[in-house]
C-alpha cells in the first residue's frame, strides 16, 4: 500500500521545515527535547478524561523517578499496564505520551503507570533499563496498596519504550520472577545494528531519520559493545523462551519494520505466543499523530482491545 495521503502531505511539510533549519542530530539534546515537546502539542489530540495521580518511584541509586498513574474503568482492583515512552533514550517524557496513556487506560478500562526514566546523554546505558527494572519492582511491591491487581500486570511501550518493556521480561525470567500477562510493543527497537532492508529503504523522508536515530543511540550507548547487550537489542538474547505473550504493532513505512518482524519471528520460534499487525501506509510514531491521521485513534482502540483481552 502507498504511504497514507495525509501522512504524505504531512511529511512534505516536515521535510521542508527540516531543510530550512537544523536537523535533530545537529541540535543539542536540550534543543531536540524542546522541539519534540513542541511537536507533540501540534500533532496529537488530548486523550480521554481519566483521573490520574503523580507518583515518585525510588531508583536503586537514590534518584526519584516521576511517574503518572492513570485510572480507567470502574473495576475496584483494576489490572495495570506499566508503560515506557519512546524518544530514542534522549527525548520524550510523561507529557509527550500523556494522550496515548489516557486513551489506553480509558479504552482498556485499566490503570496505566507511565514512568519517566532518566534520559541520555546525562544518563547513559544501562540507566534507562535499570530505571525500568526498578519501576517494575516498585509496582510489584505496591500494586495491592494502590488498589491494583498485582496478578494482572502488563508491560508496554513505543519505540525504545518497547525495547525497555520486552527487556524487562527477559530480566524477570533470569531472576525467576513472574512474567507479565502481556508485552505490548509498538514498533520496538530490537536489533544491535540498523542495517535491514527497511532501514536502507526508509532511511530518510519518513519521519524517523536514520541520522537522527543513530545520533540518539550515540547519546545513550557508552561504546560499541553496548549494542550487543540484550538490554539494548533484545534480538541479542541467547534465548527468548519463557517470555510473556507479545503483541507487536508495526508500521509499513517505518525503518524499524524489519527488526520488529524479526523479533516477532524469534519470539514465535522460541515458543512465545506473539501476534503482529503491520499498519499499512503508516510511519514510525503514528500512535501520537492524532491531529494528522484517524488511524492513530484506530491503533489506540485496537491496542486497548488487545490489552483488555489479555487482562481477562
Protein backbone atom coordinates (compact mmCIF):
# COMPACT_ATOMS: atom_id res chain seq x y z
CA UNK A 1 0.00 0.00 0.00
CA UNK A 2 1.31 3.52 -0.70
CA UNK A 3 2.04 5.99 2.05
CA UNK A 4 -1.18 7.35 3.54
CA UNK A 5 -2.05 10.56 1.65
CA UNK A 6 -2.46 12.60 4.83
CA UNK A 7 0.94 11.41 6.02
CA UNK A 8 2.46 12.15 2.63
CA UNK A 9 1.27 15.76 2.87
CA UNK A 10 2.43 15.98 6.48
CA UNK A 11 5.87 14.61 5.66
CA UNK A 12 6.28 17.14 2.85
CA UNK A 13 5.79 19.89 5.42
CA UNK A 14 8.19 18.21 7.87
CA UNK A 15 10.87 17.68 5.25
CA UNK A 16 10.54 21.27 4.01
CA UNK A 17 10.89 22.53 7.58
CA UNK A 18 13.94 20.34 8.14
CA UNK A 19 15.54 21.78 5.03
CA UNK A 20 15.22 25.30 6.45
CA UNK A 21 16.56 24.61 9.93
CA UNK A 22 18.92 22.38 11.88
CA UNK A 23 18.17 18.67 11.84
CA UNK A 24 17.59 16.88 15.11
CA UNK A 25 21.08 15.41 15.09
CA UNK A 26 22.52 18.92 14.70
CA UNK A 27 20.82 20.17 17.88
CA UNK A 28 21.87 19.88 21.48
CA UNK A 29 19.85 17.33 23.48
CA UNK A 30 18.04 20.19 25.20
CA UNK A 31 17.10 21.79 21.90
CA UNK A 32 15.96 18.45 20.50
CA UNK A 33 13.78 17.80 23.54
CA UNK A 34 12.16 21.21 23.27
CA UNK A 35 11.43 20.64 19.57
CA UNK A 36 9.99 17.20 20.27
CA UNK A 37 7.75 18.54 23.03
CA UNK A 38 6.52 21.40 20.83
CA UNK A 39 5.63 18.96 18.07
CA UNK A 40 3.57 16.86 20.49
CA UNK A 41 1.28 19.79 21.20
CA UNK A 42 0.70 20.34 17.49
CA UNK A 43 0.42 16.74 16.29
CA UNK A 44 -1.51 14.87 18.98
CA UNK A 45 -5.03 15.25 20.29
CA UNK A 46 -5.83 15.39 24.01
CA UNK A 47 -6.51 11.98 25.50
CA UNK A 48 -9.56 10.79 27.38
CA UNK A 49 -10.51 12.45 30.63
CA UNK A 50 -9.42 9.91 33.23
CA UNK A 51 -8.26 10.55 36.79
CA UNK A 52 -4.54 10.34 37.41
CA UNK A 53 -2.08 10.92 40.20
CA UNK A 54 1.58 11.86 40.24
CA UNK A 55 3.91 9.41 41.95
CA UNK A 56 7.59 9.29 42.87
CA UNK A 57 9.35 5.94 42.42
CA UNK A 58 12.72 5.25 44.05
CA UNK A 59 15.58 4.08 41.86
CA UNK A 60 18.43 1.90 43.14
CA UNK A 61 20.86 4.82 43.39
CA UNK A 62 18.51 7.06 45.36
CA UNK A 63 17.20 9.00 42.36
CA UNK A 64 13.45 9.58 42.31
CA UNK A 65 11.59 8.71 39.09
CA UNK A 66 8.49 10.80 38.33
CA UNK A 67 5.52 8.72 37.25
CA UNK A 68 1.82 9.08 36.49
CA UNK A 69 -0.82 6.55 37.40
CA UNK A 70 -3.91 6.81 35.20
CA UNK A 71 -7.05 5.01 36.35
CA UNK A 72 -9.52 3.94 33.68
CA UNK A 73 -12.74 1.99 34.14
CA UNK A 74 -14.56 1.31 37.38
CA UNK A 75 -13.19 -2.06 38.44
CA UNK A 76 -12.32 -1.99 42.17
CA UNK A 77 -8.93 -3.72 41.65
CA UNK A 78 -8.07 -2.99 38.04
CA UNK A 79 -5.20 -4.50 36.08
CA UNK A 80 -2.32 -2.21 35.16
CA UNK A 81 -0.09 -1.53 32.18
CA UNK A 82 3.47 -0.47 33.04
CA UNK A 83 4.29 1.89 30.17
CA UNK A 84 7.58 3.33 28.88
CA UNK A 85 7.69 6.17 26.37
CA UNK A 86 9.74 6.33 23.21
CA UNK A 87 12.15 9.04 22.13
CA UNK A 88 15.43 7.27 21.43
CA UNK A 89 16.51 7.40 25.10
CA UNK A 90 17.04 11.16 24.65
CA UNK A 91 13.58 12.64 24.03
CA UNK A 92 10.08 12.24 25.41
CA UNK A 93 8.58 12.04 28.85
CA UNK A 94 5.31 11.93 30.72
CA UNK A 95 3.82 14.87 28.82
CA UNK A 96 4.68 13.61 25.33
CA UNK A 97 2.78 10.35 25.87
CA UNK A 98 0.03 11.63 28.14
CA UNK A 99 -2.67 11.38 25.46
CA UNK A 100 -1.74 7.81 24.50
CA UNK A 101 -1.67 6.65 28.12
CA UNK A 102 -5.02 8.30 28.85
CA UNK A 103 -6.68 6.59 25.92
CA UNK A 104 -5.23 3.17 26.74
CA UNK A 105 -6.43 3.47 30.34
CA UNK A 106 -9.88 4.60 29.25
CA UNK A 107 -10.47 2.15 26.41
CA UNK A 108 -8.96 -0.89 28.13
CA UNK A 109 -10.65 0.02 31.45
CA UNK A 110 -7.35 -0.46 33.25
CA UNK A 111 -4.72 1.52 35.09
CA UNK A 112 -1.61 2.75 33.28
CA UNK A 113 1.59 3.54 35.17
CA UNK A 114 3.80 5.74 32.95
CA UNK A 115 7.41 6.09 34.10
CA UNK A 116 9.77 9.00 33.40
CA UNK A 117 13.05 7.08 33.24
CA UNK A 118 16.27 9.05 33.01
CA UNK A 119 17.47 10.14 29.57
CA UNK A 120 20.78 10.37 27.74
CA UNK A 121 23.35 11.77 27.38
CA UNK A 122 23.18 12.80 31.03
CA UNK A 123 22.43 9.17 31.89
CA UNK A 124 23.90 6.58 29.57
CA UNK A 125 23.29 2.85 29.14
CA UNK A 126 22.12 0.95 31.11
CA UNK A 127 20.48 3.64 33.27
CA UNK A 128 17.18 3.65 31.40
CA UNK A 129 16.92 -0.12 31.75
CA UNK A 130 17.81 0.00 35.46
CA UNK A 131 15.12 2.65 35.97
CA UNK A 132 12.59 0.47 34.15
CA UNK A 133 13.58 -2.54 36.25
CA UNK A 134 13.28 -0.52 39.47
CA UNK A 135 9.86 0.77 38.41
CA UNK A 136 8.69 -2.78 37.73
CA UNK A 137 9.91 -3.93 41.15
CA UNK A 138 8.18 -0.98 42.82
CA UNK A 139 4.92 -1.76 41.03
CA UNK A 140 5.01 -5.42 42.05
CA UNK A 141 5.57 -4.38 45.67
CA UNK A 142 2.97 -1.59 45.80
CA UNK A 143 0.23 -2.65 43.38
CA UNK A 144 -2.07 -4.01 46.07
CA UNK A 145 -1.65 -0.93 48.26
CA UNK A 146 -2.56 1.23 45.27
CA UNK A 147 -5.75 -0.75 44.77
CA UNK A 148 -4.40 -2.51 41.67
CA UNK A 149 -4.37 -6.21 40.85
CA UNK A 150 -0.76 -7.44 41.22
CA UNK A 151 -1.64 -10.63 39.34
CA UNK A 152 -2.58 -8.69 36.21
CA UNK A 153 0.35 -6.53 35.18
CA UNK A 154 1.26 -5.93 31.53
CA UNK A 155 4.32 -4.13 30.19
CA UNK A 156 4.46 -1.98 27.09
CA UNK A 157 5.91 0.98 25.28
CA UNK A 158 6.63 2.53 21.92
CA UNK A 159 9.97 2.52 20.09
CA UNK A 160 12.73 2.34 22.73
CA UNK A 161 9.97 2.17 25.33
CA UNK A 162 9.01 -1.12 23.72
CA UNK A 163 12.64 -2.19 23.99
CA UNK A 164 12.61 -1.49 27.72
CA UNK A 165 9.32 -3.33 28.15
CA UNK A 166 10.42 -6.52 26.43
CA UNK A 167 13.86 -6.39 28.12
CA UNK A 168 12.02 -6.47 31.44
CA UNK A 169 10.51 -9.83 30.54
CA UNK A 170 14.00 -11.18 29.86
CA UNK A 171 15.27 -9.82 33.16
CA UNK A 172 12.27 -11.25 35.03
CA UNK A 173 12.90 -14.68 33.53
CA UNK A 174 16.56 -14.57 34.55
CA UNK A 175 15.60 -13.54 38.10
CA UNK A 176 12.88 -16.18 38.43
CA UNK A 177 10.16 -13.52 38.73
CA UNK A 178 6.63 -13.86 37.35
CA UNK A 179 6.09 -12.84 33.76
CA UNK A 180 3.61 -10.06 32.95
CA UNK A 181 0.36 -11.11 31.32
CA UNK A 182 1.34 -9.33 28.08
CA UNK A 183 4.08 -7.32 26.43
CA UNK A 184 2.51 -4.61 24.27
CA UNK A 185 5.17 -3.43 21.84
CA UNK A 186 4.68 -0.52 19.46
CA UNK A 187 7.33 -0.53 16.72
CA UNK A 188 10.11 -1.54 19.17
CA UNK A 189 13.85 -1.24 18.59
CA UNK A 190 15.20 -4.80 18.81
CA UNK A 191 18.38 -5.06 16.75
CA UNK A 192 22.02 -4.29 17.52
CA UNK A 193 22.57 -2.87 14.02
CA UNK A 194 20.20 -0.82 11.93
CA UNK A 195 21.11 -2.49 8.63
CA UNK A 196 17.93 -4.21 7.47
CA UNK A 197 16.32 -3.57 4.06
CA UNK A 198 13.65 -1.38 5.69
CA UNK A 199 16.37 0.75 7.31
CA UNK A 200 18.06 1.22 3.94
CA UNK A 201 14.82 1.77 2.04
CA UNK A 202 13.33 4.24 4.53
CA UNK A 203 16.49 5.95 5.80
CA UNK A 204 15.25 9.45 5.00
CA UNK A 205 11.95 11.21 4.48
CA UNK A 206 9.70 9.03 6.65
CA UNK A 207 9.76 10.90 9.98
CA UNK A 208 12.28 8.64 11.73
CA UNK A 209 15.51 9.70 10.04
CA UNK A 210 18.42 7.26 10.16
CA UNK A 211 20.92 10.01 11.08
CA UNK A 212 18.72 11.14 13.95
CA UNK A 213 18.26 7.58 15.18
CA UNK A 214 21.99 6.93 15.25
CA UNK A 215 22.58 10.29 16.94
CA UNK A 216 20.18 9.31 19.72
CA UNK A 217 21.78 5.90 20.13
CA UNK A 218 25.20 7.56 20.24
CA UNK A 219 23.96 9.72 23.12
CA UNK A 220 22.83 6.63 25.05
CA UNK A 221 25.45 3.96 24.41
CA UNK A 222 28.81 4.13 26.16
CA UNK A 223 30.65 2.22 23.46
CA UNK A 224 30.01 -0.11 20.55
CA UNK A 225 29.99 -3.17 22.81
CA UNK A 226 26.76 -1.95 24.41
CA UNK A 227 24.99 -2.62 21.12
CA UNK A 228 25.42 -6.34 21.69
CA UNK A 229 23.71 -6.27 25.09
CA UNK A 230 20.16 -7.67 25.07
CA UNK A 231 19.05 -4.79 27.28
CA UNK A 232 19.61 -2.58 24.22
CA UNK A 233 18.98 -5.14 21.47
CA UNK A 234 16.64 -7.95 22.62
CA UNK A 235 17.43 -9.95 19.48
CA UNK A 236 20.88 -10.47 21.01
CA UNK A 237 19.42 -12.55 23.86
CA UNK A 238 20.66 -16.14 23.87
CA UNK A 239 17.08 -17.34 24.23
CA UNK A 240 13.61 -15.83 24.18
CA UNK A 241 11.95 -18.87 25.71
CA UNK A 242 9.55 -18.47 28.59
CA UNK A 243 8.61 -14.85 27.97
CA UNK A 244 5.15 -13.34 28.27
CA UNK A 245 2.84 -13.34 25.25
CA UNK A 246 3.52 -10.38 22.98
CA UNK A 247 1.58 -8.17 20.62
CA UNK A 248 3.59 -6.07 18.17
CA UNK A 249 2.09 -3.11 16.32
CA UNK A 250 4.32 -2.11 13.40
CA UNK A 251 4.18 0.49 10.63
CA UNK A 252 4.72 -0.26 6.93
CA UNK A 253 6.87 2.85 6.31
CA UNK A 254 8.96 2.60 9.47
CA UNK A 255 12.70 1.87 9.23
CA UNK A 256 12.18 -0.38 12.28
CA UNK A 257 9.69 -2.60 10.43
CA UNK A 258 12.07 -5.45 9.57
CA UNK A 259 13.59 -5.74 13.04
CA UNK A 260 10.08 -5.75 14.54
CA UNK A 261 9.10 -8.60 12.23
CA UNK A 262 12.35 -10.41 13.04
CA UNK A 263 11.68 -10.10 16.75
CA UNK A 264 8.15 -11.46 16.36
CA UNK A 265 9.53 -14.41 14.40
CA UNK A 266 12.20 -15.03 17.04
CA UNK A 267 9.58 -15.00 19.80
CA UNK A 268 7.43 -17.49 17.91
CA UNK A 269 10.44 -19.72 17.22
CA UNK A 270 11.11 -19.72 20.98
CA UNK A 271 7.55 -20.88 21.68
CA UNK A 272 6.26 -17.47 22.80
CA UNK A 273 2.76 -16.59 21.66
CA UNK A 274 3.20 -13.46 19.55
CA UNK A 275 0.73 -11.61 17.35
CA UNK A 276 1.76 -8.97 14.83
CA UNK A 277 -0.16 -6.29 12.97
CA UNK A 278 1.54 -4.18 10.33
CA UNK A 279 -0.42 -0.98 9.73
CA UNK A 280 -0.34 -0.18 6.01
CA UNK A 281 0.63 3.29 4.89
CA UNK A 282 1.81 4.29 8.38
CA UNK A 283 5.12 5.68 9.68
CA UNK A 284 7.01 5.41 12.95
CA UNK A 285 5.33 7.12 15.93
CA UNK A 286 1.93 7.26 14.22
CA UNK A 287 0.22 6.43 17.52
CA UNK A 288 0.89 10.05 18.53
CA UNK A 289 -0.29 11.71 15.30
CA UNK A 290 -3.94 12.07 16.24
CA UNK A 291 -4.22 15.52 14.65
CA UNK A 292 -2.84 14.17 11.36
CA UNK A 293 -4.48 10.78 10.77
CA UNK A 294 -7.57 8.95 12.01
CA UNK A 295 -5.53 5.75 12.14
CA UNK A 296 -3.92 6.92 15.39
CA UNK A 297 -7.29 6.56 17.13
CA UNK A 298 -7.84 3.21 15.40
CA UNK A 299 -4.50 1.94 16.65
CA UNK A 300 -5.24 3.03 20.22
CA UNK A 301 -8.60 1.30 20.16
CA UNK A 302 -7.06 -1.91 18.85
CA UNK A 303 -4.23 -1.83 21.37
CA UNK A 304 -6.77 -1.34 24.16
CA UNK A 305 -8.77 -4.33 22.91
CA UNK A 306 -5.63 -6.49 22.96
CA UNK A 307 -4.87 -5.29 26.48
CA UNK A 308 -8.41 -5.93 27.72
CA UNK A 309 -8.35 -9.45 26.29
CA UNK A 310 -5.02 -10.22 27.96
CA UNK A 311 -6.32 -8.93 31.30
CA UNK A 312 -9.38 -11.16 31.04
